[in-house]
């Protein structure tokens, strides 16, 4: 799969999927996500509303895991 060969909507969907995988800690997803996002930036130099990266949690995996282990309520 070469990013240049994908249609625009497929490219955006794949970039989003691979970035999500990378943020979840999948081993080789970061490089693939980067290549796809680079192609998105090359094709679409202006930001679009289709990108939902503002909803992604970009904190390191360790911080997200620590928060998940903490209870969401306080004991009196």
Foldseek 3Di string as FASTA:
>chain_A
DALVPDDLVVLLVLLVVLVVVVQQPDPPSVVVNVRSVVVNCVVDVDDDPVDPCVPDDPDHPVVVVVVVPDDPDDDD
